[in-house]
Amino acid sequence: MANKLFVGNLAFAATEQDLEEAFGAFGEIEECKIILDRETGRSRGFAFVTFSSTDAAEAALALDGQDVAGRSIRVSIATERPRNNNGGGRRGFGGNREGGRRF
C-alpha cells in the first residue's frame, strides 16, 4: 500500500492527535495508529499513518526529519513485513541434539 506511511523515532509522549495535526496538512487521513507495547500499554516509538490517496502519502514524506512532539521523526512508505510461515509450534527447545532424553 503506497498510501500507508511508517513513522519512526516517535516521541513516547506523542499522541495520535499530534500525528494527525502534523500529517493532516498533506491530505485526508484514513487512519493514524501509534503502536503500543502489549504488556505495558506504552508507545513503542513508532506509528502508521494511512492516507486516502497515494499522492497525499508521497507529499507527507516531506516530514522526514521534522520535529513532532519534541523528536525528529523518520517517515517512509510502509512495507509489509514478511510472515513467518513455520506454522508456530515448537521453537527453540534446546537440550540433547540427538533427540533422545537426558537422564
N, C-alpha and C. Protein backbone atom coordinates (compact mmCIF):
# COMPACT_ATOMS: atom_id res chain seq x y z
N MET A 1 0.83 -1.17 0.00
CA MET A 1 0.00 0.00 0.00
C MET A 1 0.88 1.24 0.00
N ALA A 2 0.85 1.96 -1.07
CA ALA A 2 1.68 3.15 -1.20
C ALA A 2 1.08 4.35 -0.47
N ASN A 3 -0.11 4.18 0.12
CA ASN A 3 -0.71 5.30 0.84
C ASN A 3 -0.55 5.17 2.36
N LYS A 4 0.24 4.19 2.80
CA LYS A 4 0.48 3.97 4.22
C LYS A 4 1.94 4.29 4.54
N LEU A 5 2.13 5.15 5.56
CA LEU A 5 3.47 5.57 5.94
C LEU A 5 3.87 4.98 7.28
N PHE A 6 5.14 4.67 7.40
CA PHE A 6 5.76 4.27 8.66
C PHE A 6 6.37 5.52 9.26
N VAL A 7 6.10 5.77 10.54
CA VAL A 7 6.66 6.92 11.24
C VAL A 7 7.49 6.37 12.40
N GLY A 8 8.80 6.54 12.33
CA GLY A 8 9.70 6.04 13.37
C GLY A 8 10.32 7.16 14.17
N ASN A 9 11.05 6.78 15.21
CA ASN A 9 11.71 7.72 16.12
C ASN A 9 10.70 8.67 16.75
N LEU A 10 9.53 8.14 17.03
CA LEU A 10 8.43 8.93 17.57
C LEU A 10 8.62 9.11 19.07
N ALA A 11 8.40 10.31 19.56
CA ALA A 11 8.48 10.58 21.00
C ALA A 11 7.46 9.70 21.71
N PHE A 12 7.84 9.14 22.86
CA PHE A 12 6.93 8.26 23.58
C PHE A 12 5.70 9.01 24.08
N ALA A 13 5.82 10.32 24.24
CA ALA A 13 4.70 11.13 24.71
C ALA A 13 3.79 11.60 23.57
N ALA A 14 4.17 11.32 22.33
CA ALA A 14 3.38 11.76 21.17
C ALA A 14 2.03 11.06 21.17
N THR A 15 1.02 11.79 20.71
CA THR A 15 -0.34 11.24 20.63
C THR A 15 -0.75 11.12 19.17
N GLU A 16 -1.81 10.37 18.93
CA GLU A 16 -2.33 10.26 17.58
C GLU A 16 -2.82 11.62 17.08
N GLN A 17 -3.28 12.46 17.98
CA GLN A 17 -3.69 13.81 17.61
C GLN A 17 -2.48 14.62 17.12
N ASP A 18 -1.32 14.45 17.76
CA ASP A 18 -0.10 15.13 17.30
C ASP A 18 0.20 14.74 15.86
N LEU A 19 0.07 13.45 15.56
CA LEU A 19 0.35 12.97 14.20
C LEU A 19 -0.69 13.49 13.22
N GLU A 20 -1.94 13.49 13.62
CA GLU A 20 -3.00 13.98 12.73
C GLU A 20 -2.79 15.46 12.40
N GLU A 21 -2.34 16.24 13.38
CA GLU A 21 -2.07 17.66 13.13
C GLU A 21 -0.90 17.84 12.17
N ALA A 22 0.15 17.05 12.36
CA ALA A 22 1.34 17.18 11.51
C ALA A 22 1.09 16.67 10.09
N PHE A 23 0.43 15.53 9.96
CA PHE A 23 0.25 14.91 8.66
C PHE A 23 -1.01 15.38 7.92
N GLY A 24 -1.96 15.91 8.66
CA GLY A 24 -3.23 16.33 8.08
C GLY A 24 -3.10 17.42 7.03
N ALA A 25 -2.03 18.18 7.08
CA ALA A 25 -1.81 19.25 6.11
C ALA A 25 -1.55 18.71 4.70
N PHE A 26 -1.25 17.42 4.59
CA PHE A 26 -0.90 16.84 3.30
C PHE A 26 -2.06 16.13 2.61
N GLY A 27 -3.15 15.93 3.33
CA GLY A 27 -4.31 15.27 2.73
C GLY A 27 -5.15 14.58 3.77
N GLU A 28 -6.22 13.93 3.29
CA GLU A 28 -7.15 13.25 4.18
C GLU A 28 -6.52 11.99 4.76
N ILE A 29 -6.58 11.87 6.09
CA ILE A 29 -6.03 10.71 6.78
C ILE A 29 -7.15 9.72 7.05
N GLU A 30 -6.94 8.46 6.65
CA GLU A 30 -7.91 7.41 6.92
C GLU A 30 -7.70 6.82 8.31
N GLU A 31 -6.43 6.63 8.68
CA GLU A 31 -6.12 6.02 9.98
C GLU A 31 -4.77 6.51 10.47
N CYS A 32 -4.69 6.70 11.77
CA CYS A 32 -3.46 7.09 12.42
C CYS A 32 -3.32 6.19 13.64
N LYS A 33 -2.28 5.37 13.69
CA LYS A 33 -2.17 4.35 14.73
C LYS A 33 -0.78 4.31 15.33
N ILE A 34 -0.66 4.69 16.62
CA ILE A 34 0.59 4.53 17.35
C ILE A 34 0.62 3.11 17.88
N ILE A 35 1.73 2.42 17.68
CA ILE A 35 1.85 1.03 18.09
C ILE A 35 2.26 0.98 19.57
N LEU A 36 1.49 0.20 20.33
CA LEU A 36 1.70 0.11 21.77
C LEU A 36 2.29 -1.24 22.15
N ASP A 37 3.05 -1.25 23.23
CA ASP A 37 3.59 -2.48 23.79
C ASP A 37 2.44 -3.29 24.39
N ARG A 38 2.37 -4.57 24.12
CA ARG A 38 1.27 -5.40 24.58
C ARG A 38 1.21 -5.50 26.11
N GLU A 39 2.37 -5.57 26.73
CA GLU A 39 2.41 -5.78 28.18
C GLU A 39 2.22 -4.49 28.97
N THR A 40 2.87 -3.41 28.54
CA THR A 40 2.84 -2.17 29.33
C THR A 40 1.81 -1.17 28.83
N GLY A 41 1.38 -1.28 27.57
CA GLY A 41 0.45 -0.32 27.01
C GLY A 41 1.10 1.00 26.62
N ARG A 42 2.42 1.08 26.73
CA ARG A 42 3.15 2.29 26.37
C ARG A 42 3.54 2.25 24.90
N SER A 43 3.77 3.44 24.35
CA SER A 43 4.18 3.55 22.95
C SER A 43 5.49 2.81 22.71
N ARG A 44 5.59 2.19 21.54
CA ARG A 44 6.84 1.52 21.15
C ARG A 44 7.73 2.45 20.34
N GLY A 45 7.27 3.70 20.12
CA GLY A 45 8.09 4.69 19.43
C GLY A 45 7.91 4.72 17.92
N PHE A 46 6.86 4.07 17.43
CA PHE A 46 6.58 4.17 16.00
C PHE A 46 5.09 4.10 15.75
N ALA A 47 4.70 4.51 14.55
CA ALA A 47 3.28 4.58 14.20
C ALA A 47 3.10 4.36 12.71
N PHE A 48 1.84 4.23 12.30
CA PHE A 48 1.48 4.15 10.89
C PHE A 48 0.42 5.19 10.62
N VAL A 49 0.57 5.90 9.52
CA VAL A 49 -0.42 6.88 9.09
C VAL A 49 -0.86 6.48 7.69
N THR A 50 -2.17 6.27 7.51
CA THR A 50 -2.72 5.86 6.23
C THR A 50 -3.53 7.01 5.64
N PHE A 51 -3.18 7.39 4.43
CA PHE A 51 -3.88 8.46 3.71
C PHE A 51 -4.90 7.87 2.76
N SER A 52 -5.87 8.69 2.35
CA SER A 52 -6.87 8.23 1.40
C SER A 52 -6.31 8.19 -0.02
N SER A 53 -5.18 8.87 -0.26
CA SER A 53 -4.58 8.84 -1.61
C SER A 53 -3.07 8.66 -1.54
N THR A 54 -2.55 8.05 -2.58
CA THR A 54 -1.11 7.85 -2.69
C THR A 54 -0.38 9.18 -2.81
N ASP A 55 -0.97 10.13 -3.54
CA ASP A 55 -0.34 11.45 -3.71
C ASP A 55 -0.14 12.15 -2.37
N ALA A 56 -1.13 12.08 -1.49
CA ALA A 56 -1.02 12.70 -0.18
C ALA A 56 0.08 12.05 0.64
N ALA A 57 0.18 10.73 0.58
CA ALA A 57 1.21 10.00 1.32
C ALA A 57 2.59 10.38 0.82
N GLU A 58 2.76 10.46 -0.49
CA GLU A 58 4.06 10.83 -1.05
C GLU A 58 4.44 12.26 -0.68
N ALA A 59 3.46 13.17 -0.64
CA ALA A 59 3.72 14.55 -0.23
C ALA A 59 4.14 14.61 1.24
N ALA A 60 3.55 13.76 2.07
CA ALA A 60 3.85 13.75 3.50
C ALA A 60 5.24 13.22 3.82
N LEU A 61 5.89 12.58 2.85
CA LEU A 61 7.27 12.13 3.06
C LEU A 61 8.18 13.32 3.37
N ALA A 62 7.72 14.53 3.05
CA ALA A 62 8.48 15.75 3.33
C ALA A 62 8.69 15.95 4.84
N LEU A 63 7.90 15.26 5.66
CA LEU A 63 8.05 15.39 7.12
C LEU A 63 9.23 14.59 7.67
N ASP A 64 9.87 13.79 6.83
CA ASP A 64 11.04 13.03 7.27
C ASP A 64 12.09 13.99 7.81
N GLY A 65 12.49 13.77 9.06
CA GLY A 65 13.50 14.60 9.71
C GLY A 65 12.93 15.82 10.44
N GLN A 66 11.62 16.03 10.34
CA GLN A 66 10.99 17.17 11.01
C GLN A 66 10.66 16.83 12.46
N ASP A 67 10.51 17.87 13.28
CA ASP A 67 10.21 17.71 14.69
C ASP A 67 8.71 17.55 14.92
N VAL A 68 8.34 16.47 15.59
CA VAL A 68 6.95 16.25 16.01
C VAL A 68 7.01 15.82 17.47
N ALA A 69 6.34 16.57 18.34
CA ALA A 69 6.28 16.28 19.78
C ALA A 69 7.67 16.18 20.41
N GLY A 70 8.60 16.97 19.90
CA GLY A 70 9.92 17.05 20.52
C GLY A 70 10.99 16.13 19.98
N ARG A 71 10.70 15.35 18.94
CA ARG A 71 11.72 14.48 18.34
C ARG A 71 11.68 14.58 16.83
N SER A 72 12.81 14.35 16.24
CA SER A 72 12.94 14.35 14.79
C SER A 72 12.48 12.99 14.27
N ILE A 73 11.35 12.97 13.57
CA ILE A 73 10.75 11.70 13.14
C ILE A 73 11.36 11.21 11.83
N ARG A 74 11.23 9.91 11.60
CA ARG A 74 11.63 9.28 10.34
C ARG A 74 10.35 8.85 9.65
N VAL A 75 10.20 9.20 8.39
CA VAL A 75 8.98 8.89 7.65
C VAL A 75 9.36 8.16 6.36
N SER A 76 8.70 7.03 6.11
CA SER A 76 8.92 6.29 4.87
C SER A 76 7.64 5.55 4.49
N ILE A 77 7.58 5.09 3.24
CA ILE A 77 6.45 4.28 2.79
C ILE A 77 6.50 2.96 3.56
N ALA A 78 5.39 2.56 4.14
CA ALA A 78 5.33 1.32 4.90
C ALA A 78 5.40 0.13 3.95
N THR A 79 6.14 -0.87 4.35
CA THR A 79 6.23 -2.11 3.57
C THR A 79 5.71 -3.25 4.43
N GLU A 80 5.09 -4.21 3.80
CA GLU A 80 4.54 -5.37 4.51
C GLU A 80 5.67 -6.21 5.05
N ARG A 81 5.59 -6.54 6.33
CA ARG A 81 6.59 -7.40 6.94
C ARG A 81 6.28 -8.83 6.54
N PRO A 82 7.28 -9.58 6.07
CA PRO A 82 7.01 -10.95 5.65
C PRO A 82 6.54 -11.81 6.83
N ARG A 83 5.56 -12.63 6.58
CA ARG A 83 5.02 -13.52 7.61
C ARG A 83 5.97 -14.69 7.82
N ASN A 84 6.05 -15.14 9.05
CA ASN A 84 6.84 -16.32 9.37
C ASN A 84 5.96 -17.54 9.10
N ASN A 85 6.34 -18.35 8.12
CA ASN A 85 5.50 -19.47 7.69
C ASN A 85 5.92 -20.81 8.28
N ASN A 86 6.52 -20.78 9.47
CA ASN A 86 6.92 -22.07 10.04
C ASN A 86 5.78 -22.74 10.78
N GLY A 87 4.62 -22.09 10.84
CA GLY A 87 3.45 -22.71 11.43
C GLY A 87 3.43 -22.70 12.95
N GLY A 88 4.35 -21.99 13.56
CA GLY A 88 4.36 -21.92 15.02
C GLY A 88 4.84 -23.22 15.60
N GLY A 89 4.30 -23.56 16.74
CA GLY A 89 4.67 -24.83 17.34
C GLY A 89 5.99 -24.76 18.07
N ARG A 90 6.73 -25.84 18.01
CA ARG A 90 7.96 -25.98 18.80
C ARG A 90 9.07 -25.13 18.22
N ARG A 91 9.53 -24.21 19.05
CA ARG A 91 10.66 -23.37 18.66
C ARG A 91 11.64 -23.29 19.81
N GLY A 92 12.88 -23.39 19.49
CA GLY A 92 13.92 -23.11 20.46
C GLY A 92 14.05 -24.07 21.61
N PHE A 93 13.64 -25.32 21.44
CA PHE A 93 13.84 -26.27 22.52
C PHE A 93 15.27 -26.78 22.44
N GLY A 94 16.03 -26.42 23.41
CA GLY A 94 17.45 -26.82 23.44
C GLY A 94 17.59 -28.23 23.97
N GLY A 95 18.77 -28.53 24.40
CA GLY A 95 18.98 -29.84 25.01
C GLY A 95 19.78 -30.75 24.11
N ASN A 96 19.52 -32.00 24.26
CA ASN A 96 20.26 -33.05 23.58
C ASN A 96 20.01 -32.98 22.07
N ARG A 97 21.08 -32.82 21.31
CA ARG A 97 20.96 -32.67 19.86
C ARG A 97 20.59 -34.00 19.18
N GLU A 98 20.82 -35.11 19.85
CA GLU A 98 20.49 -36.39 19.24
C GLU A 98 19.01 -36.70 19.32
N GLY A 99 18.25 -35.90 20.02
CA GLY A 99 16.80 -36.08 20.08
C GLY A 99 16.34 -37.00 21.19
N GLY A 100 17.25 -37.65 21.87
CA GLY A 100 16.84 -38.54 22.97
C GLY A 100 16.71 -37.78 24.27
N ARG A 101 16.24 -38.47 25.26
CA ARG A 101 16.10 -37.84 26.57
C ARG A 101 17.40 -37.93 27.34
N ARG A 102 17.65 -36.94 28.16
CA ARG A 102 18.80 -36.95 29.05
C ARG A 102 18.32 -37.31 30.44
N PHE A 103 19.05 -38.20 31.09
CA PHE A 103 18.72 -38.58 32.46
C PHE A 103 19.84 -38.25 33.36
